[in-house]
Amino acid sequence: MEESLSPTLEQLQQELVQQVIKLYRTHLGYELLQVSCHIVDKTVTILAEDSITQLEQFLGKNEQLELALQVRSNLLKSLEPYLQSLMEQVIGVPVVDVICNSTFETGRTSIVALLATVPNISDLDTGRRIKQRSKSESNLDSGK
């Protein structure tokens, strides 16, 4: 019964995407338009496209690239505790480590988090695949 109350993998990933967008909008005043999230075992990977703020872009275009890179680095470092907290709230598992990095040239930001344990996920399709694989393996074992 409790398993049916657990969110699916897709629900967790979508909720994380929405929360990261909200975090950027609330704390940086910047609207992320394209964010993806993948959870595999104990690893959460989030990729944000066009994540460089207008201020950083302005600095970069006005021969202040080093300052723009420093601003970006400080912003990401400041966001890490917020990202860790929101992941723990959404996923329901402690986060051991959060690593953020951006590439100014492509405008992408990557966020990778290591979870303490695998999240409790209700995913019927995964369960069906496991059952089908077990069934096929037992057919192979019995010589069928």
C-alpha atoms as a PDB file:
ATOM      1  CA  MET A   1       0.000   0.000   0.000  1.00  0.00           C
ATOM      2  CA  GLU A   2       2.779   2.436   0.905  1.00  0.00           C
ATOM      3  CA  GLU A   3       4.528   1.718  -2.403  1.00  0.00           C
ATOM      4  CA  SER A   4       1.576   3.097  -4.376  1.00  0.00           C
ATOM      5  CA  LEU A   5       1.927   6.390  -2.482  1.00  0.00           C
ATOM      6  CA  SER A   6       5.535   6.795  -3.653  1.00  0.00           C
ATOM      7  CA  PRO A   7       6.016   9.122  -6.613  1.00  0.00           C
ATOM      8  CA  THR A   8       7.122   7.749  -9.939  1.00  0.00           C
ATOM      9  CA  LEU A   9      10.565   8.522 -11.304  1.00  0.00           C
ATOM     10  CA  GLU A  10       9.039  10.883 -13.871  1.00  0.00           C
ATOM     11  CA  GLN A  11       7.092  12.734 -11.160  1.00  0.00           C
ATOM     12  CA  LEU A  12      10.233  13.263  -9.057  1.00  0.00           C
ATOM     13  CA  GLN A  13      12.243  14.448 -12.042  1.00  0.00           C
ATOM     14  CA  GLN A  14       9.497  16.843 -13.175  1.00  0.00           C
ATOM     15  CA  GLU A  15       9.083  18.248  -9.665  1.00  0.00           C
ATOM     16  CA  LEU A  16      12.840  18.865  -9.423  1.00  0.00           C
ATOM     17  CA  VAL A  17      12.783  20.674 -12.777  1.00  0.00           C
ATOM     18  CA  GLN A  18       9.933  22.913 -11.581  1.00  0.00           C
ATOM     19  CA  GLN A  19      11.680  23.651  -8.273  1.00  0.00           C
ATOM     20  CA  VAL A  20      14.991  24.538  -9.953  1.00  0.00           C
ATOM     21  CA  ILE A  21      13.153  26.907 -12.321  1.00  0.00           C
ATOM     22  CA  LYS A  22      11.402  28.476  -9.313  1.00  0.00           C
ATOM     23  CA  LEU A  23      14.720  28.778  -7.425  1.00  0.00           C
ATOM     24  CA  TYR A  24      16.360  30.642 -10.323  1.00  0.00           C
ATOM     25  CA  ARG A  25      13.336  32.905 -10.733  1.00  0.00           C
ATOM     26  CA  THR A  26      13.057  33.661  -6.992  1.00  0.00           C
ATOM     27  CA  HIS A  27      16.733  34.106  -6.110  1.00  0.00           C
ATOM     28  CA  LEU A  28      18.280  35.311  -9.377  1.00  0.00           C
ATOM     29  CA  GLY A  29      15.313  36.935 -11.119  1.00  0.00           C
ATOM     30  CA  TYR A  30      16.105  34.771 -14.140  1.00  0.00           C
ATOM     31  CA  GLU A  31      13.700  32.522 -16.019  1.00  0.00           C
ATOM     32  CA  LEU A  32      15.175  29.205 -17.116  1.00  0.00           C
ATOM     33  CA  LEU A  33      13.369  27.935 -20.208  1.00  0.00           C
ATOM     34  CA  GLN A  34      14.934  24.519 -20.717  1.00  0.00           C
ATOM     35  CA  VAL A  35      15.831  22.271 -17.791  1.00  0.00           C
ATOM     36  CA  SER A  36      16.167  18.492 -17.745  1.00  0.00           C
ATOM     37  CA  CYS A  37      16.590  16.108 -14.824  1.00  0.00           C
ATOM     38  CA  HIS A  38      17.581  12.464 -14.575  1.00  0.00           C
ATOM     39  CA  ILE A  39      17.762  10.300 -11.486  1.00  0.00           C
ATOM     40  CA  VAL A  40      19.783   7.098 -11.758  1.00  0.00           C
ATOM     41  CA  ASP A  41      20.299   5.087  -8.578  1.00  0.00           C
ATOM     42  CA  LYS A  42      21.830   7.569  -6.108  1.00  0.00           C
ATOM     43  CA  THR A  43      22.750  10.238  -8.669  1.00  0.00           C
ATOM     44  CA  VAL A  44      20.658  13.254  -9.672  1.00  0.00           C
ATOM     45  CA  THR A  45      21.737  15.132 -12.795  1.00  0.00           C
ATOM     46  CA  ILE A  46      20.134  18.443 -13.766  1.00  0.00           C
ATOM     47  CA  LEU A  47      21.038  20.348 -16.927  1.00  0.00           C
ATOM     48  CA  ALA A  48      19.914  23.942 -17.469  1.00  0.00           C
ATOM     49  CA  GLU A  49      20.257  25.479 -20.930  1.00  0.00           C
ATOM     50  CA  ASP A  50      20.720  29.236 -21.382  1.00  0.00           C
ATOM     51  CA  SER A  51      21.357  29.664 -17.671  1.00  0.00           C
ATOM     52  CA  ILE A  52      23.721  32.648 -17.818  1.00  0.00           C
ATOM     53  CA  THR A  53      21.992  35.733 -16.408  1.00  0.00           C
ATOM     54  CA  GLN A  54      21.734  39.062 -18.225  1.00  0.00           C
ATOM     55  CA  LEU A  55      24.250  40.653 -15.854  1.00  0.00           C
ATOM     56  CA  GLU A  56      26.816  37.937 -16.585  1.00  0.00           C
ATOM     57  CA  GLN A  57      26.194  38.256 -20.329  1.00  0.00           C
ATOM     58  CA  PHE A  58      26.589  42.032 -20.114  1.00  0.00           C
ATOM     59  CA  LEU A  59      29.894  41.705 -18.282  1.00  0.00           C
ATOM     60  CA  GLY A  60      31.145  39.121 -20.772  1.00  0.00           C
ATOM     61  CA  LYS A  61      30.296  41.296 -23.784  1.00  0.00           C
ATOM     62  CA  ASN A  62      32.031  44.323 -22.264  1.00  0.00           C
ATOM     63  CA  GLU A  63      35.473  42.813 -21.853  1.00  0.00           C
ATOM     64  CA  GLN A  64      34.807  41.758 -18.276  1.00  0.00           C
ATOM     65  CA  LEU A  65      34.786  37.990 -18.898  1.00  0.00           C
ATOM     66  CA  GLU A  66      36.932  37.249 -15.845  1.00  0.00           C
ATOM     67  CA  LEU A  67      34.499  39.174 -13.625  1.00  0.00           C
ATOM     68  CA  ALA A  68      31.532  37.433 -15.292  1.00  0.00           C
ATOM     69  CA  LEU A  69      33.120  34.038 -14.586  1.00  0.00           C
ATOM     70  CA  GLN A  70      33.721  35.005 -10.957  1.00  0.00           C
ATOM     71  CA  VAL A  71      30.103  36.172 -10.583  1.00  0.00           C
ATOM     72  CA  ARG A  72      28.902  32.861 -12.072  1.00  0.00           C
ATOM     73  CA  SER A  73      31.121  30.850  -9.734  1.00  0.00           C
ATOM     74  CA  ASN A  74      29.883  32.779  -6.686  1.00  0.00           C
ATOM     75  CA  LEU A  75      26.247  32.433  -7.752  1.00  0.00           C
ATOM     76  CA  LEU A  76      26.552  28.676  -8.150  1.00  0.00           C
ATOM     77  CA  LYS A  77      28.336  28.335  -4.797  1.00  0.00           C
ATOM     78  CA  SER A  78      25.569  30.395  -3.156  1.00  0.00           C
ATOM     79  CA  LEU A  79      22.839  28.260  -4.759  1.00  0.00           C
ATOM     80  CA  GLU A  80      24.298  24.902  -3.648  1.00  0.00           C
ATOM     81  CA  PRO A  81      22.681  24.838  -0.154  1.00  0.00           C
ATOM     82  CA  TYR A  82      19.310  25.817  -1.662  1.00  0.00           C
ATOM     83  CA  LEU A  83      19.643  23.110  -4.308  1.00  0.00           C
ATOM     84  CA  GLN A  84      20.571  20.546  -1.666  1.00  0.00           C
ATOM     85  CA  SER A  85      17.594  21.504   0.485  1.00  0.00           C
ATOM     86  CA  LEU A  86      15.075  21.418  -2.362  1.00  0.00           C
ATOM     87  CA  MET A  87      16.366  18.029  -3.570  1.00  0.00           C
ATOM     88  CA  GLU A  88      16.075  16.589  -0.076  1.00  0.00           C
ATOM     89  CA  GLN A  89      12.522  17.920   0.228  1.00  0.00           C
ATOM     90  CA  VAL A  90      11.386  16.666  -3.179  1.00  0.00           C
ATOM     91  CA  ILE A  91      13.165  13.301  -3.175  1.00  0.00           C
ATOM     92  CA  GLY A  92      12.926  12.601   0.557  1.00  0.00           C
ATOM     93  CA  VAL A  93      16.521  11.355   0.810  1.00  0.00           C
ATOM     94  CA  PRO A  94      19.560  13.135   2.298  1.00  0.00           C
ATOM     95  CA  VAL A  95      21.955  14.640  -0.249  1.00  0.00           C
ATOM     96  CA  VAL A  96      25.608  13.792   0.411  1.00  0.00           C
ATOM     97  CA  ASP A  97      27.167  16.195  -2.117  1.00  0.00           C
ATOM     98  CA  VAL A  98      26.148  18.783  -4.725  1.00  0.00           C
ATOM     99  CA  ILE A  99      28.431  19.818  -7.568  1.00  0.00           C
ATOM    100  CA  CYS A 100      27.519  22.739  -9.845  1.00  0.00           C
ATOM    101  CA  ASN A 101      29.367  23.931 -12.902  1.00  0.00           C
ATOM    102  CA  SER A 102      28.653  26.231 -15.822  1.00  0.00           C
ATOM    103  CA  THR A 103      30.174  26.737 -19.219  1.00  0.00           C
ATOM    104  CA  PHE A 104      29.934  30.387 -20.110  1.00  0.00           C
ATOM    105  CA  GLU A 105      30.510  29.741 -23.817  1.00  0.00           C
ATOM    106  CA  THR A 106      27.515  27.355 -24.146  1.00  0.00           C
ATOM    107  CA  GLY A 107      25.357  28.906 -21.442  1.00  0.00           C
ATOM    108  CA  ARG A 108      24.774  25.513 -19.805  1.00  0.00           C
ATOM    109  CA  THR A 109      24.779  24.743 -16.111  1.00  0.00           C
ATOM    110  CA  SER A 110      25.085  21.221 -14.776  1.00  0.00           C
ATOM    111  CA  ILE A 111      24.102  20.182 -11.289  1.00  0.00           C
ATOM    112  CA  VAL A 112      25.055  16.744 -10.026  1.00  0.00           C
ATOM    113  CA  ALA A 113      23.983  15.477  -6.611  1.00  0.00           C
ATOM    114  CA  LEU A 114      24.895  12.296  -4.809  1.00  0.00           C
ATOM    115  CA  LEU A 115      22.122  10.915  -2.610  1.00  0.00           C
ATOM    116  CA  ALA A 116      22.697   8.973   0.613  1.00  0.00           C
ATOM    117  CA  THR A 117      20.384   6.178  -0.573  1.00  0.00           C
ATOM    118  CA  VAL A 118      18.362   5.247  -3.623  1.00  0.00           C
ATOM    119  CA  PRO A 119      15.020   7.121  -3.490  1.00  0.00           C
ATOM    120  CA  ASN A 120      11.783   5.236  -2.869  1.00  0.00           C
ATOM    121  CA  ILE A 121      10.193   5.316  -6.316  1.00  0.00           C
ATOM    122  CA  SER A 122       6.979   3.715  -7.489  1.00  0.00           C
ATOM    123  CA  ASP A 123       7.480   2.841 -11.121  1.00  0.00           C
ATOM    124  CA  LEU A 124       5.191   0.164 -12.507  1.00  0.00           C
ATOM    125  CA  ASP A 125       6.987   0.019 -15.861  1.00  0.00           C
ATOM    126  CA  THR A 126      10.279  -0.760 -14.139  1.00  0.00           C
ATOM    127  CA  GLY A 127       8.586  -3.468 -12.105  1.00  0.00           C
ATOM    128  CA  ARG A 128       7.085  -4.983 -15.253  1.00  0.00           C
ATOM    129  CA  ARG A 129      10.453  -4.956 -17.009  1.00  0.00           C
ATOM    130  CA  ILE A 130      12.095  -6.660 -14.039  1.00  0.00           C
ATOM    131  CA  LYS A 131       9.352  -9.307 -13.949  1.00  0.00           C
ATOM    132  CA  GLN A 132       9.611  -9.848 -17.711  1.00  0.00           C
ATOM    133  CA  ARG A 133      13.386 -10.119 -17.532  1.00  0.00           C
ATOM    134  CA  SER A 134      13.162 -12.588 -14.645  1.00  0.00           C
ATOM    135  CA  LYS A 135      10.602 -14.613 -16.577  1.00  0.00           C
ATOM    136  CA  SER A 136      12.803 -14.691 -19.696  1.00  0.00           C
ATOM    137  CA  GLU A 137      15.857 -15.625 -17.656  1.00  0.00           C
ATOM    138  CA  SER A 138      13.974 -18.480 -16.004  1.00  0.00           C
ATOM    139  CA  ASN A 139      12.839 -19.651 -19.464  1.00  0.00           C
ATOM    140  CA  LEU A 140      16.478 -19.649 -20.586  1.00  0.00           C
ATOM    141  CA  ASP A 141      17.514 -21.539 -17.469  1.00  0.00           C
ATOM    142  CA  SER A 142      14.863 -24.210 -18.051  1.00  0.00           C
ATOM    143  CA  GLY A 143      15.976 -24.594 -21.669  1.00  0.00           C
ATOM    144  CA  LYS A 144      12.831 -23.039 -23.223  1.00  0.00           C
END
